[in-house]
PDB file of N, CA and C in Angstrom:
ATOM      1  N   MET A   1      93.762  98.301 123.418  1.00  0.00           N
ATOM      2  CA  MET A   1      94.245  99.160 122.363  1.00  0.00           C
ATOM      3  C   MET A   1      94.789  98.292 121.225  1.00  0.00           C
ATOM      4  N   GLU A   2      94.533  98.709 120.021  1.00  0.00           N
ATOM      5  CA  GLU A   2      95.002  97.980 118.845  1.00  0.00           C
ATOM      6  C   GLU A   2      96.489  98.265 118.608  1.00  0.00           C
ATOM      7  N   ARG A   3      97.238  97.213 118.337  1.00  0.00           N
ATOM      8  CA  ARG A   3      98.673  97.351 118.047  1.00  0.00           C
ATOM      9  C   ARG A   3      98.931  96.862 116.624  1.00  0.00           C
ATOM     10  N   VAL A   4      99.761  97.622 115.898  1.00  0.00           N
ATOM     11  CA  VAL A   4     100.131  97.261 114.535  1.00  0.00           C
ATOM     12  C   VAL A   4     101.653  97.309 114.397  1.00  0.00           C
ATOM     13  N   ARG A   5     102.132  96.679 113.310  1.00  0.00           N
ATOM     14  CA  ARG A   5     103.563  96.643 113.006  1.00  0.00           C
ATOM     15  C   ARG A   5     103.775  97.231 111.611  1.00  0.00           C
ATOM     16  N   ALA A   6     104.791  98.077 111.479  1.00  0.00           N
ATOM     17  CA  ALA A   6     105.122  98.668 110.176  1.00  0.00           C
ATOM     18  C   ALA A   6     105.652  97.579 109.247  1.00  0.00           C
ATOM     19  N   THR A   7     105.127  97.543 108.027  1.00  0.00           N
ATOM     20  CA  THR A   7     105.540  96.548 107.049  1.00  0.00           C
ATOM     21  C   THR A   7     106.588  97.084 106.084  1.00  0.00           C
ATOM     22  N   ARG A   8     106.856  98.385 106.159  1.00  0.00           N
ATOM     23  CA  ARG A   8     107.874  99.002 105.301  1.00  0.00           C
ATOM     24  C   ARG A   8     108.292 100.347 105.884  1.00  0.00           C
ATOM     25  N   ASP A   9     109.400 100.834 105.384  1.00  0.00           N
ATOM     26  CA  ASP A   9     109.886 102.153 105.789  1.00  0.00           C
ATOM     27  C   ASP A   9     109.051 103.228 105.099  1.00  0.00           C
ATOM     28  N   ARG A  10     108.973 104.394 105.736  1.00  0.00           N
ATOM     29  CA  ARG A  10     108.284 105.536 105.136  1.00  0.00           C
ATOM     30  C   ARG A  10     108.847 106.821 105.722  1.00  0.00           C
ATOM     31  N   ARG A  11     109.131 107.773 104.843  1.00  0.00           N
ATOM     32  CA  ARG A  11     109.587 109.095 105.263  1.00  0.00           C
ATOM     33  C   ARG A  11     108.403 110.037 105.378  1.00  0.00           C
ATOM     34  N   ILE A  12     108.594 111.078 106.154  1.00  0.00           N
ATOM     35  CA  ILE A  12     107.579 112.121 106.289  1.00  0.00           C
ATOM     36  C   ILE A  12     107.505 112.897 104.980  1.00  0.00           C
ATOM     37  N   GLN A  13     106.300 113.116 104.473  1.00  0.00           N
ATOM     38  CA  GLN A  13     106.136 113.861 103.230  1.00  0.00           C
ATOM     39  C   GLN A  13     105.937 115.357 103.461  1.00  0.00           C
ATOM     40  N   TYR A  14     105.289 115.720 104.558  1.00  0.00           N
ATOM     41  CA  TYR A  14     105.002 117.125 104.846  1.00  0.00           C
ATOM     42  C   TYR A  14     105.643 117.476 106.193  1.00  0.00           C
ATOM     43  N   LYS A  15     106.748 118.220 106.149  1.00  0.00           N
ATOM     44  CA  LYS A  15     107.538 118.484 107.356  1.00  0.00           C
ATOM     45  C   LYS A  15     107.017 119.646 108.199  1.00  0.00           C
ATOM     46  N   ASP A  16     106.107 120.442 107.669  1.00  0.00           N
ATOM     47  CA  ASP A  16     105.581 121.601 108.386  1.00  0.00           C
ATOM     48  C   ASP A  16     104.063 121.442 108.502  1.00  0.00           C
ATOM     49  N   PRO A  17     103.600 120.647 109.479  1.00  0.00           N
ATOM     50  CA  PRO A  17     102.182 120.278 109.537  1.00  0.00           C
ATOM     51  C   PRO A  17     101.256 121.448 109.851  1.00  0.00           C
ATOM     52  N   ILE A  18     100.058 121.329 109.324  1.00  0.00           N
ATOM     53  CA  ILE A  18      98.994 122.268 109.675  1.00  0.00           C
ATOM     54  C   ILE A  18      98.519 121.921 111.093  1.00  0.00           C
ATOM     55  N   ARG A  19      98.292 122.953 111.897  1.00  0.00           N
ATOM     56  CA  ARG A  19      97.762 122.775 113.253  1.00  0.00           C
ATOM     57  C   ARG A  19      96.594 123.746 113.404  1.00  0.00           C
ATOM     58  N   VAL A  20      95.446 123.211 113.761  1.00  0.00           N
ATOM     59  CA  VAL A  20      94.268 124.056 113.941  1.00  0.00           C
ATOM     60  C   VAL A  20      93.574 123.675 115.241  1.00  0.00           C
ATOM     61  N   GLN A  21      92.848 124.626 115.778  1.00  0.00           N
ATOM     62  CA  GLN A  21      92.100 124.401 117.010  1.00  0.00           C
ATOM     63  C   GLN A  21      90.617 124.598 116.752  1.00  0.00           C
ATOM     64  N   ARG A  22      89.837 123.986 117.591  1.00  0.00           N
ATOM     65  CA  ARG A  22      88.387 124.127 117.501  1.00  0.00           C
ATOM     66  C   ARG A  22      88.036 125.608 117.442  1.00  0.00           C
ATOM     67  N   GLY A  23      87.208 125.959 116.445  1.00  0.00           N
ATOM     68  CA  GLY A  23      86.796 127.345 116.264  1.00  0.00           C
ATOM     69  C   GLY A  23      87.561 128.084 115.184  1.00  0.00           C
ATOM     70  N   ASP A  24      88.760 127.593 114.824  1.00  0.00           N
ATOM     71  CA  ASP A  24      89.531 128.232 113.753  1.00  0.00           C
ATOM     72  C   ASP A  24      88.794 128.098 112.419  1.00  0.00           C
ATOM     73  N   LEU A  25      89.109 129.001 111.501  1.00  0.00           N
ATOM     74  CA  LEU A  25      88.600 128.923 110.136  1.00  0.00           C
ATOM     75  C   LEU A  25      89.716 128.435 109.219  1.00  0.00           C
ATOM     76  N   VAL A  26      89.354 127.586 108.249  1.00  0.00           N
ATOM     77  CA  VAL A  26      90.298 127.129 107.233  1.00  0.00           C
ATOM     78  C   VAL A  26      89.669 127.291 105.865  1.00  0.00           C
ATOM     79  N   ARG A  27      90.525 127.501 104.883  1.00  0.00           N
ATOM     80  CA  ARG A  27      90.090 127.558 103.480  1.00  0.00           C
ATOM     81  C   ARG A  27      90.273 126.163 102.911  1.00  0.00           C
ATOM     82  N   VAL A  28      89.226 125.617 102.321  1.00  0.00           N
ATOM     83  CA  VAL A  28      89.224 124.246 101.833  1.00  0.00           C
ATOM     84  C   VAL A  28      89.644 124.196 100.367  1.00  0.00           C
ATOM     85  N   GLY A  29      90.596 123.316 100.087  1.00  0.00           N
ATOM     86  CA  GLY A  29      91.027 123.072  98.714  1.00  0.00           C
ATOM     87  C   GLY A  29      90.371 121.802  98.195  1.00  0.00           C
ATOM     88  N   GLU A  30      91.133 120.994  97.504  1.00  0.00           N
ATOM     89  CA  GLU A  30      90.615 119.778  96.886  1.00  0.00           C
ATOM     90  C   GLU A  30      90.534 118.617  97.871  1.00  0.00           C
ATOM     91  N   GLU A  31      89.593 117.719  97.610  1.00  0.00           N
ATOM     92  CA  GLU A  31      89.516 116.470  98.360  1.00  0.00           C
ATOM     93  C   GLU A  31      90.521 115.493  97.756  1.00  0.00           C
ATOM     94  N   ASP A  32      91.167 114.704  98.597  1.00  0.00           N
ATOM     95  CA  ASP A  32      92.149 113.721  98.137  1.00  0.00           C
ATOM     96  C   ASP A  32      91.439 112.626  97.350  1.00  0.00           C
ATOM     97  N   SER A  33      91.828 112.456  96.100  1.00  0.00           N
ATOM     98  CA  SER A  33      91.170 111.451  95.256  1.00  0.00           C
ATOM     99  C   SER A  33      91.536 110.031  95.670  1.00  0.00           C
ATOM    100  N   ASP A  34      92.702 109.834  96.279  1.00  0.00           N
ATOM    101  CA  ASP A  34      93.107 108.507  96.742  1.00  0.00           C
ATOM    102  C   ASP A  34      92.515 108.153  98.103  1.00  0.00           C
ATOM    103  N   HIS A  35      92.243 109.153  98.907  1.00  0.00           N
ATOM    104  CA  HIS A  35      91.695 108.954 100.255  1.00  0.00           C
ATOM    105  C   HIS A  35      90.531 109.921 100.479  1.00  0.00           C
ATOM    106  N   PRO A  36      89.368 109.629  99.888  1.00  0.00           N
ATOM    107  CA  PRO A  36      88.210 110.510 100.102  1.00  0.00           C
ATOM    108  C   PRO A  36      87.954 110.706 101.598  1.00  0.00           C
ATOM    109  N   GLY A  37      87.565 111.922 101.934  1.00  0.00           N
ATOM    110  CA  GLY A  37      87.353 112.245 103.342  1.00  0.00           C
ATOM    111  C   GLY A  37      88.495 113.069 103.917  1.00  0.00           C
ATOM    112  N   TRP A  38      89.545 113.279 103.121  1.00  0.00           N
ATOM    113  CA  TRP A  38      90.658 114.146 103.496  1.00  0.00           C
ATOM    114  C   TRP A  38      90.659 115.343 102.548  1.00  0.00           C
ATOM    115  N   TRP A  39      90.770 116.543 103.120  1.00  0.00           N
ATOM    116  CA  TRP A  39      90.716 117.781 102.343  1.00  0.00           C
ATOM    117  C   TRP A  39      91.994 118.586 102.557  1.00  0.00           C
ATOM    118  N   TRP A  40      92.548 119.139 101.461  1.00  0.00           N
ATOM    119  CA  TRP A  40      93.708 120.019 101.550  1.00  0.00           C
ATOM    120  C   TRP A  40      93.213 121.366 102.050  1.00  0.00           C
ATOM    121  N   CYS A  41      93.717 121.817 103.193  1.00  0.00           N
ATOM    122  CA  CYS A  41      93.228 123.053 103.808  1.00  0.00           C
ATOM    123  C   CYS A  41      94.377 124.011 104.086  1.00  0.00           C
ATOM    124  N   THR A  42      94.026 125.290 104.117  1.00  0.00           N
ATOM    125  CA  THR A  42      94.969 126.346 104.464  1.00  0.00           C
ATOM    126  C   THR A  42      94.456 127.036 105.717  1.00  0.00           C
ATOM    127  N   ALA A  43      95.311 127.087 106.729  1.00  0.00           N
ATOM    128  CA  ALA A  43      94.956 127.726 108.005  1.00  0.00           C
ATOM    129  C   ALA A  43      95.232 129.229 107.934  1.00  0.00           C
ATOM    130  N   ILE A  44      94.799 129.938 108.942  1.00  0.00           N
ATOM    131  CA  ILE A  44      94.976 131.392 109.006  1.00  0.00           C
ATOM    132  C   ILE A  44      96.452 131.779 108.987  1.00  0.00           C
ATOM    133  N   ASP A  45      97.341 130.903 109.501  1.00  0.00           N
ATOM    134  CA  ASP A  45      98.781 131.192 109.488  1.00  0.00           C
ATOM    135  C   ASP A  45      99.442 130.776 108.171  1.00  0.00           C
ATOM    136  N   ALA A  46      98.625 130.420 107.180  1.00  0.00           N
ATOM    137  CA  ALA A  46      99.057 130.032 105.827  1.00  0.00           C
ATOM    138  C   ALA A  46      99.654 128.636 105.739  1.00  0.00           C
ATOM    139  N   LYS A  47      99.713 127.905 106.860  1.00  0.00           N
ATOM    140  CA  LYS A  47     100.172 126.514 106.785  1.00  0.00           C
ATOM    141  C   LYS A  47      99.095 125.688 106.101  1.00  0.00           C
ATOM    142  N   GLN A  48      99.547 124.696 105.361  1.00  0.00           N
ATOM    143  CA  GLN A  48      98.629 123.848 104.611  1.00  0.00           C
ATOM    144  C   GLN A  48      98.850 122.385 104.964  1.00  0.00           C
ATOM    145  N   GLY A  49      97.798 121.594 104.765  1.00  0.00           N
ATOM    146  CA  GLY A  49      97.918 120.167 104.993  1.00  0.00           C
ATOM    147  C   GLY A  49      96.584 119.471 104.820  1.00  0.00           C
ATOM    148  N   TRP A  50      96.648 118.140 104.874  1.00  0.00           N
ATOM    149  CA  TRP A  50      95.434 117.329 104.753  1.00  0.00           C
ATOM    150  C   TRP A  50      94.702 117.306 106.085  1.00  0.00           C
ATOM    151  N   VAL A  51      93.401 117.538 106.027  1.00  0.00           N
ATOM    152  CA  VAL A  51      92.552 117.582 107.225  1.00  0.00           C
ATOM    153  C   VAL A  51      91.387 116.621 107.001  1.00  0.00           C
ATOM    154  N   PRO A  52      91.114 115.744 107.978  1.00  0.00           N
ATOM    155  CA  PRO A  52      89.984 114.823 107.809  1.00  0.00           C
ATOM    156  C   PRO A  52      88.655 115.562 107.934  1.00  0.00           C
ATOM    157  N   SER A  53      87.675 115.118 107.161  1.00  0.00           N
ATOM    158  CA  SER A  53      86.377 115.791 107.114  1.00  0.00           C
ATOM    159  C   SER A  53      85.673 115.827 108.465  1.00  0.00           C
ATOM    160  N   ASP A  54      85.963 114.866 109.352  1.00  0.00           N
ATOM    161  CA  ASP A  54      85.247 114.847 110.633  1.00  0.00           C
ATOM    162  C   ASP A  54      85.699 115.933 111.606  1.00  0.00           C
ATOM    163  N   VAL A  55      86.745 116.700 111.291  1.00  0.00           N
ATOM    164  CA  VAL A  55      87.103 117.846 112.131  1.00  0.00           C
ATOM    165  C   VAL A  55      86.702 119.165 111.483  1.00  0.00           C
ATOM    166  N   LEU A  56      85.988 119.079 110.358  1.00  0.00           N
ATOM    167  CA  LEU A  56      85.512 120.272 109.664  1.00  0.00           C
ATOM    168  C   LEU A  56      83.994 120.370 109.771  1.00  0.00           C
ATOM    169  N   ALA A  57      83.491 121.589 109.913  1.00  0.00           N
ATOM    170  CA  ALA A  57      82.044 121.803 110.007  1.00  0.00           C
ATOM    171  C   ALA A  57      81.366 121.399 108.700  1.00  0.00           C
ATOM    172  N   ALA A  58      80.082 121.218 108.772  1.00  0.00           N
ATOM    173  CA  ALA A  58      79.288 120.866 107.584  1.00  0.00           C
ATOM    174  C   ALA A  58      79.498 121.900 106.483  1.00  0.00           C
ATOM    175  N   GLY A  59      79.285 121.488 105.254  1.00  0.00           N
ATOM    176  CA  GLY A  59      79.411 122.392 104.123  1.00  0.00           C
ATOM    177  C   GLY A  59      80.789 122.351 103.487  1.00  0.00           C
ATOM    178  N   VAL A  60      81.545 121.276 103.747  1.00  0.00           N
ATOM    179  CA  VAL A  60      82.887 121.158 103.171  1.00  0.00           C
ATOM    180  C   VAL A  60      82.778 120.988 101.664  1.00  0.00           C
ATOM    181  N   ARG A  61      83.425 121.883 100.949  1.00  0.00           N
ATOM    182  CA  ARG A  61      83.511 121.791  99.493  1.00  0.00           C
ATOM    183  C   ARG A  61      84.689 122.648  99.066  1.00  0.00           C
ATOM    184  N   THR A  62      85.217 122.360  97.894  1.00  0.00           N
ATOM    185  CA  THR A  62      86.352 123.107  97.377  1.00  0.00           C
ATOM    186  C   THR A  62      86.029 124.600  97.319  1.00  0.00           C
ATOM    187  N   GLY A  63      86.927 125.399  97.869  1.00  0.00           N
ATOM    188  CA  GLY A  63      86.779 126.852  97.857  1.00  0.00           C
ATOM    189  C   GLY A  63      86.051 127.434  99.052  1.00  0.00           C
ATOM    190  N   ALA A  64      85.452 126.591  99.868  1.00  0.00           N
ATOM    191  CA  ALA A  64      84.696 127.078 101.033  1.00  0.00           C
ATOM    192  C   ALA A  64      85.649 127.446 102.175  1.00  0.00           C
ATOM    193  N   THR A  65      85.194 128.339 103.031  1.00  0.00           N
ATOM    194  CA  THR A  65      85.858 128.606 104.296  1.00  0.00           C
ATOM    195  C   THR A  65      84.968 128.013 105.370  1.00  0.00           C
ATOM    196  N   VAL A  66      85.536 127.094 106.153  1.00  0.00           N
ATOM    197  CA  VAL A  66      84.733 126.392 107.161  1.00  0.00           C
ATOM    198  C   VAL A  66      85.424 126.451 108.513  1.00  0.00           C
ATOM    199  N   ARG A  67      84.622 126.253 109.541  1.00  0.00           N
ATOM    200  CA  ARG A  67      85.106 126.253 110.911  1.00  0.00           C
ATOM    201  C   ARG A  67      85.593 124.853 111.284  1.00  0.00           C
ATOM    202  N   VAL A  68      86.649 124.817 112.067  1.00  0.00           N
ATOM    203  CA  VAL A  68      87.190 123.564 112.596  1.00  0.00           C
ATOM    204  C   VAL A  68      86.406 123.216 113.860  1.00  0.00           C
ATOM    205  N   VAL A  69      85.949 121.962 113.976  1.00  0.00           N
ATOM    206  CA  VAL A  69      85.111 121.566 115.112  1.00  0.00           C
ATOM    207  C   VAL A  69      85.875 120.754 116.164  1.00  0.00           C
ATOM    208  N   ALA A  70      87.156 120.467 115.907  1.00  0.00           N
ATOM    209  CA  ALA A  70      87.983 119.740 116.875  1.00  0.00           C
ATOM    210  C   ALA A  70      89.445 120.077 116.626  1.00  0.00           C
ATOM    211  N   ASP A  71      90.247 120.092 117.679  1.00  0.00           N
ATOM    212  CA  ASP A  71      91.676 120.328 117.520  1.00  0.00           C
ATOM    213  C   ASP A  71      92.265 119.248 116.619  1.00  0.00           C
ATOM    214  N   TYR A  72      93.236 119.645 115.787  1.00  0.00           N
ATOM    215  CA  TYR A  72      93.830 118.692 114.846  1.00  0.00           C
ATOM    216  C   TYR A  72      95.205 119.182 114.411  1.00  0.00           C
ATOM    217  N   GLU A  73      96.106 118.239 114.192  1.00  0.00           N
ATOM    218  CA  GLU A  73      97.373 118.546 113.529  1.00  0.00           C
ATOM    219  C   GLU A  73      97.744 117.391 112.622  1.00  0.00           C
ATOM    220  N   SER A  74      98.373 117.730 111.498  1.00  0.00           N
ATOM    221  CA  SER A  74      98.637 116.743 110.448  1.00  0.00           C
ATOM    222  C   SER A  74     100.020 116.105 110.545  1.00  0.00           C
ATOM    223  N   THR A  75     100.620 116.114 111.717  1.00  0.00           N
ATOM    224  CA  THR A  75     101.946 115.537 111.891  1.00  0.00           C
ATOM    225  C   THR A  75     101.974 114.092 111.425  1.00  0.00           C
ATOM    226  N   GLU A  76     102.944 113.775 110.572  1.00  0.00           N
ATOM    227  CA  GLU A  76     103.151 112.402 110.138  1.00  0.00           C
ATOM    228  C   GLU A  76     104.245 111.770 110.995  1.00  0.00           C
ATOM    229  N   LEU A  77     104.234 110.461 111.055  1.00  0.00           N
ATOM    230  CA  LEU A  77     105.244 109.725 111.803  1.00  0.00           C
ATOM    231  C   LEU A  77     106.065 108.902 110.811  1.00  0.00           C
ATOM    232  N   PRO A  78     107.391 109.044 110.834  1.00  0.00           N
ATOM    233  CA  PRO A  78     108.196 108.200 109.949  1.00  0.00           C
ATOM    234  C   PRO A  78     108.132 106.749 110.435  1.00  0.00           C
ATOM    235  N   LEU A  79     108.276 105.830 109.500  1.00  0.00           N
ATOM    236  CA  LEU A  79     108.204 104.404 109.841  1.00  0.00           C
ATOM    237  C   LEU A  79     109.482 103.697 109.447  1.00  0.00           C
ATOM    238  N   GLN A  80     109.846 102.717 110.267  1.00  0.00           N
ATOM    239  CA  GLN A  80     110.883 101.764 109.905  1.00  0.00           C
ATOM    240  C   GLN A  80     110.249 100.386 109.994  1.00  0.00           C
ATOM    241  N   HIS A  81     110.568  99.553 109.016  1.00  0.00           N
ATOM    242  CA  HIS A  81     110.004  98.208 108.980  1.00  0.00           C
ATOM    243  C   HIS A  81     110.164  97.555 110.351  1.00  0.00           C
ATOM    244  N   GLY A  82     109.063  97.032 110.877  1.00  0.00           N
ATOM    245  CA  GLY A  82     109.079  96.349 112.170  1.00  0.00           C
ATOM    246  C   GLY A  82     108.665  97.195 113.351  1.00  0.00           C
ATOM    247  N   ASP A  83     108.566  98.522 113.188  1.00  0.00           N
ATOM    248  CA  ASP A  83     108.126  99.387 114.296  1.00  0.00           C
ATOM    249  C   ASP A  83     106.789  98.894 114.839  1.00  0.00           C
ATOM    250  N   LEU A  84     106.666  98.839 116.167  1.00  0.00           N
ATOM    251  CA  LEU A  84     105.384  98.535 116.807  1.00  0.00           C
ATOM    252  C   LEU A  84     104.708  99.842 117.164  1.00  0.00           C
ATOM    253  N   LEU A  85     103.410  99.941 116.853  1.00  0.00           N
ATOM    254  CA  LEU A  85     102.661 101.181 117.014  1.00  0.00           C
ATOM    255  C   LEU A  85     101.309 100.897 117.647  1.00  0.00           C
ATOM    256  N   ASP A  86     100.860 101.787 118.502  1.00  0.00           N
ATOM    257  CA  ASP A  86      99.522 101.700 119.082  1.00  0.00           C
ATOM    258  C   ASP A  86      98.605 102.654 118.332  1.00  0.00           C
ATOM    259  N   VAL A  87      97.465 102.145 117.888  1.00  0.00           N
ATOM    260  CA  VAL A  87      96.526 102.941 117.101  1.00  0.00           C
ATOM    261  C   VAL A  87      95.654 103.779 118.033  1.00  0.00           C
ATOM    262  N   GLU A  88      95.669 105.084 117.805  1.00  0.00           N
ATOM    263  CA  GLU A  88      94.850 106.024 118.574  1.00  0.00           C
ATOM    264  C   GLU A  88      93.538 106.332 117.855  1.00  0.00           C
ATOM    265  N   GLN A  89      93.607 106.378 116.509  1.00  0.00           N
ATOM    266  CA  GLN A  89      92.446 106.779 115.713  1.00  0.00           C
ATOM    267  C   GLN A  89      92.619 106.282 114.287  1.00  0.00           C
ATOM    268  N   ARG A  90      91.494 106.060 113.590  1.00  0.00           N
ATOM    269  CA  ARG A  90      91.497 105.672 112.171  1.00  0.00           C
ATOM    270  C   ARG A  90      90.668 106.679 111.394  1.00  0.00           C
ATOM    271  N   HIS A  91      91.119 106.978 110.175  1.00  0.00           N
ATOM    272  CA  HIS A  91      90.295 107.816 109.308  1.00  0.00           C
ATOM    273  C   HIS A  91      90.697 107.613 107.855  1.00  0.00           C
ATOM    274  N   ALA A  92      89.774 107.119 107.057  1.00  0.00           N
ATOM    275  CA  ALA A  92      89.884 107.040 105.598  1.00  0.00           C
ATOM    276  C   ALA A  92      91.264 106.620 105.101  1.00  0.00           C
ATOM    277  N   GLY A  93      91.716 105.445 105.524  1.00  0.00           N
ATOM    278  CA  GLY A  93      92.969 104.901 105.029  1.00  0.00           C
ATOM    279  C   GLY A  93      94.220 105.355 105.759  1.00  0.00           C
ATOM    280  N   TRP A  94      94.051 106.111 106.827  1.00  0.00           N
ATOM    281  CA  TRP A  94      95.185 106.579 107.634  1.00  0.00           C
ATOM    282  C   TRP A  94      94.940 106.251 109.099  1.00  0.00           C
ATOM    283  N   LEU A  95      96.035 106.090 109.842  1.00  0.00           N
ATOM    284  CA  LEU A  95      95.964 105.800 111.271  1.00  0.00           C
ATOM    285  C   LEU A  95      96.765 106.842 112.048  1.00  0.00           C
ATOM    286  N   LEU A  96      96.204 107.305 113.138  1.00  0.00           N
ATOM    287  CA  LEU A  96      96.948 108.126 114.080  1.00  0.00           C
ATOM    288  C   LEU A  96      97.533 107.146 115.084  1.00  0.00           C
ATOM    289  N   VAL A  97      98.867 107.087 115.167  1.00  0.00           N
ATOM    290  CA  VAL A  97      99.524 106.068 115.985  1.00  0.00           C
ATOM    291  C   VAL A  97     100.508 106.696 116.961  1.00  0.00           C
ATOM    292  N   ARG A  98     100.859 105.900 117.974  1.00  0.00           N
ATOM    293  CA  ARG A  98     101.868 106.282 118.968  1.00  0.00           C
ATOM    294  C   ARG A  98     102.979 105.235 118.889  1.00  0.00           C
ATOM    295  N   ASN A  99     104.235 105.698 118.793  1.00  0.00           N
ATOM    296  CA  ASN A  99     105.337 104.747 118.709  1.00  0.00           C
ATOM    297  C   ASN A  99     105.966 104.490 120.079  1.00  0.00           C
ATOM    298  N   ALA A 100     107.025 103.695 120.124  1.00  0.00           N
ATOM    299  CA  ALA A 100     107.677 103.313 121.381  1.00  0.00           C
ATOM    300  C   ALA A 100     108.306 104.506 122.096  1.00  0.00           C
ATOM    301  N   GLU A 101     108.625 105.574 121.344  1.00  0.00           N
ATOM    302  CA  GLU A 101     109.186 106.794 121.951  1.00  0.00           C
ATOM    303  C   GLU A 101     108.091 107.759 122.386  1.00  0.00           C
ATOM    304  N   ASP A 102     106.838 107.312 122.343  1.00  0.00           N
ATOM    305  CA  ASP A 102     105.675 108.094 122.759  1.00  0.00           C
ATOM    306  C   ASP A 102     105.393 109.272 121.821  1.00  0.00           C
ATOM    307  N   LYS A 103     105.868 109.188 120.566  1.00  0.00           N
ATOM    308  CA  LYS A 103     105.565 110.206 119.562  1.00  0.00           C
ATOM    309  C   LYS A 103     104.303 109.789 118.821  1.00  0.00           C
ATOM    310  N   ILE A 104     103.480 110.794 118.478  1.00  0.00           N
ATOM    311  CA  ILE A 104     102.203 110.539 117.811  1.00  0.00           C
ATOM    312  C   ILE A 104     102.225 111.168 116.421  1.00  0.00           C
ATOM    313  N   GLY A 105     101.661 110.443 115.456  1.00  0.00           N
ATOM    314  CA  GLY A 105     101.562 110.979 114.114  1.00  0.00           C
ATOM    315  C   GLY A 105     100.737 110.063 113.228  1.00  0.00           C
ATOM    316  N   TRP A 106     100.445 110.557 112.033  1.00  0.00           N
ATOM    317  CA  TRP A 106      99.633 109.827 111.056  1.00  0.00           C
ATOM    318  C   TRP A 106     100.528 108.965 110.168  1.00  0.00           C
ATOM    319  N   VAL A 107     100.039 107.752 109.855  1.00  0.00           N
ATOM    320  CA  VAL A 107     100.707 106.840 108.918  1.00  0.00           C
ATOM    321  C   VAL A 107      99.642 106.212 108.021  1.00  0.00           C
ATOM    322  N   PRO A 108     100.019 105.848 106.789  1.00  0.00           N
ATOM    323  CA  PRO A 108      99.043 105.179 105.926  1.00  0.00           C
ATOM    324  C   PRO A 108      98.734 103.770 106.447  1.00  0.00           C
ATOM    325  N   ALA A 109      97.477 103.408 106.460  1.00  0.00           N
ATOM    326  CA  ALA A 109      97.079 102.073 106.909  1.00  0.00           C
ATOM    327  C   ALA A 109      97.711 100.991 106.038  1.00  0.00           C
ATOM    328  N   SER A 110      98.020 101.323 104.798  1.00  0.00           N
ATOM    329  CA  SER A 110      98.617 100.364 103.871  1.00  0.00           C
ATOM    330  C   SER A 110     100.058  99.996 104.254  1.00  0.00           C
ATOM    331  N   HIS A 111     100.646 100.700 105.200  1.00  0.00           N
ATOM    332  CA  HIS A 111     102.035 100.469 105.603  1.00  0.00           C
ATOM    333  C   HIS A 111     102.162  99.689 106.911  1.00  0.00           C
ATOM    334  N   VAL A 112     101.028  99.183 107.416  1.00  0.00           N
ATOM    335  CA  VAL A 112     101.071  98.433 108.681  1.00  0.00           C
ATOM    336  C   VAL A 112     100.208  97.179 108.574  1.00  0.00           C
ATOM    337  N   GLU A 113     100.419  96.270 109.523  1.00  0.00           N
ATOM    338  CA  GLU A 113      99.603  95.070 109.640  1.00  0.00           C
ATOM    339  C   GLU A 113      99.371  94.805 111.130  1.00  0.00           C
ATOM    340  N   PRO A 114      98.363  94.006 111.472  1.00  0.00           N
ATOM    341  CA  PRO A 114      98.158  93.690 112.888  1.00  0.00           C
ATOM    342  C   PRO A 114      99.418  93.053 113.486  1.00  0.00           C
ATOM    343  N   ALA A 115      99.735  93.449 114.702  1.00  0.00           N
ATOM    344  CA  ALA A 115     100.943  92.915 115.364  1.00  0.00           C
ATOM    345  C   ALA A 115     100.635  91.597 116.058  1.00  0.00           C
TER     346      ALA A 115
END
């Protein structure tokens, strides 16, 4: 497993993450211009958040309603400089990581380095 170290502190930007399950429908908003491959989506419960394109069915475009093809949640993980993290997944400039307290969340790849 790949291990990384936080190079700076970071606070959570979105405290109420979107959570969707395979088969759910989401309304697609804009694609992130800084991180292509991430789309702002609204779930049936009206929660919103960034969703990676690989969990959305084909035909992703602004204004479309698409089916979710894999369970996903946009939980972010706060960082403190020096935190050691295990990488679970990578996607378009972001990492899904697990910290020493066994919490999982997304962090920007730009905020970590190989440990």
